[in-house]
C-alpha atoms as a PDB file:
ATOM      1  CA  MET A   1     -17.661  19.950  -0.127  1.00  0.00           C
ATOM      2  CA  THR A   2     -15.357  16.850   0.288  1.00  0.00           C
ATOM      3  CA  LYS A   3     -16.433  14.220   2.767  1.00  0.00           C
ATOM      4  CA  LYS A   4     -13.295  13.406   5.512  1.00  0.00           C
ATOM      5  CA  ASN A   5     -13.183   9.316   5.552  1.00  0.00           C
ATOM      6  CA  TYR A   6     -12.825   8.575   9.215  1.00  0.00           C
ATOM      7  CA  GLN A   7     -11.422   5.333  10.569  1.00  0.00           C
ATOM      8  CA  HIS A   8     -11.798   3.980  13.948  1.00  0.00           C
ATOM      9  CA  LEU A   9      -9.171   2.835  15.980  1.00  0.00           C
ATOM     10  CA  SER A  10      -8.034  -0.371  15.732  1.00  0.00           C
ATOM     11  CA  GLN A  11      -7.479  -2.915  18.451  1.00  0.00           C
ATOM     12  CA  SER A  12      -3.694  -3.253  18.133  1.00  0.00           C
ATOM     13  CA  GLU A  13      -3.802   0.922  18.429  1.00  0.00           C
ATOM     14  CA  ARG A  14      -5.503   0.612  21.029  1.00  0.00           C
ATOM     15  CA  HIS A  15      -3.028  -1.553  22.849  1.00  0.00           C
ATOM     16  CA  ALA A  16      -0.632   0.650  21.954  1.00  0.00           C
ATOM     17  CA  ILE A  17      -2.096   3.677  23.406  1.00  0.00           C
ATOM     18  CA  ALA A  18      -2.483   1.618  26.664  1.00  0.00           C
ATOM     19  CA  LEU A  19       1.061   0.434  26.326  1.00  0.00           C
ATOM     20  CA  GLY A  20       2.280   4.283  25.870  1.00  0.00           C
ATOM     21  CA  LEU A  21       0.047   5.388  28.963  1.00  0.00           C
ATOM     22  CA  GLN A  22       1.882   2.660  31.034  1.00  0.00           C
ATOM     23  CA  GLN A  23       5.123   3.517  29.719  1.00  0.00           C
ATOM     24  CA  LYS A  24       4.457   7.511  30.855  1.00  0.00           C
ATOM     25  CA  GLN A  25       4.379   8.751  27.373  1.00  0.00           C
ATOM     26  CA  SER A  26       3.000  11.939  26.066  1.00  0.00           C
ATOM     27  CA  LEU A  27      -0.443  11.796  24.281  1.00  0.00           C
ATOM     28  CA  SER A  28       1.720  13.571  21.715  1.00  0.00           C
ATOM     29  CA  ALA A  29       4.425  10.891  21.456  1.00  0.00           C
ATOM     30  CA  ILE A  30       1.800   8.077  21.607  1.00  0.00           C
ATOM     31  CA  ALA A  31      -0.388  10.265  18.339  1.00  0.00           C
ATOM     32  CA  ARG A  32       2.811  10.558  16.541  1.00  0.00           C
ATOM     33  CA  ALA A  33       4.152   7.034  16.977  1.00  0.00           C
ATOM     34  CA  LEU A  34       0.335   5.743  15.416  1.00  0.00           C
ATOM     35  CA  GLY A  35       0.334   8.323  12.999  1.00  0.00           C
ATOM     36  CA  ARG A  36      -2.854   9.915  14.638  1.00  0.00           C
ATOM     37  CA  CYS A  37      -3.812  13.149  15.434  1.00  0.00           C
ATOM     38  CA  LYS A  38      -3.684  13.688  19.704  1.00  0.00           C
ATOM     39  CA  SER A  39      -7.120  14.878  19.723  1.00  0.00           C
ATOM     40  CA  THR A  40      -7.972  11.197  18.526  1.00  0.00           C
ATOM     41  CA  ILE A  41      -5.915   9.716  21.317  1.00  0.00           C
ATOM     42  CA  SER A  42      -7.049  12.267  23.590  1.00  0.00           C
ATOM     43  CA  ARG A  43     -10.445  11.268  23.265  1.00  0.00           C
ATOM     44  CA  GLU A  44      -9.856   7.357  23.499  1.00  0.00           C
ATOM     45  CA  CYS A  45      -8.133   8.054  26.674  1.00  0.00           C
ATOM     46  CA  GLU A  46     -10.956  10.211  28.162  1.00  0.00           C
ATOM     47  CA  PRO A  47     -13.138   7.106  29.451  1.00  0.00           C
ATOM     48  CA  VAL A  48     -10.373   5.527  30.982  1.00  0.00           C
ATOM     49  CA  ARG A  49      -9.519   8.805  32.817  1.00  0.00           C
ATOM     50  CA  ASN A  50     -12.864   9.135  34.284  1.00  0.00           C
ATOM     51  CA  PHE A  51     -12.675   5.301  35.223  1.00  0.00           C
ATOM     52  CA  VAL A  52      -9.767   5.797  37.163  1.00  0.00           C
ATOM     53  CA  CYS A  53     -10.921   9.100  38.751  1.00  0.00           C
ATOM     54  CA  GLU A  54     -14.242   7.349  40.220  1.00  0.00           C
ATOM     55  CA  ALA A  55     -12.419   4.238  41.204  1.00  0.00           C
END
């Protein structure tokens, strides 16, 4: 069994995600632009969505 190498999102990637969301880009489009999985982008957006919903 091989171990997968996971890498945290960098600050610049997080900034790009925030910018993409402000521009109403889809999660798929943001993921494609960053070369990441859509699920990675989705997990990063989850806390933001919860915060906005609670406000």
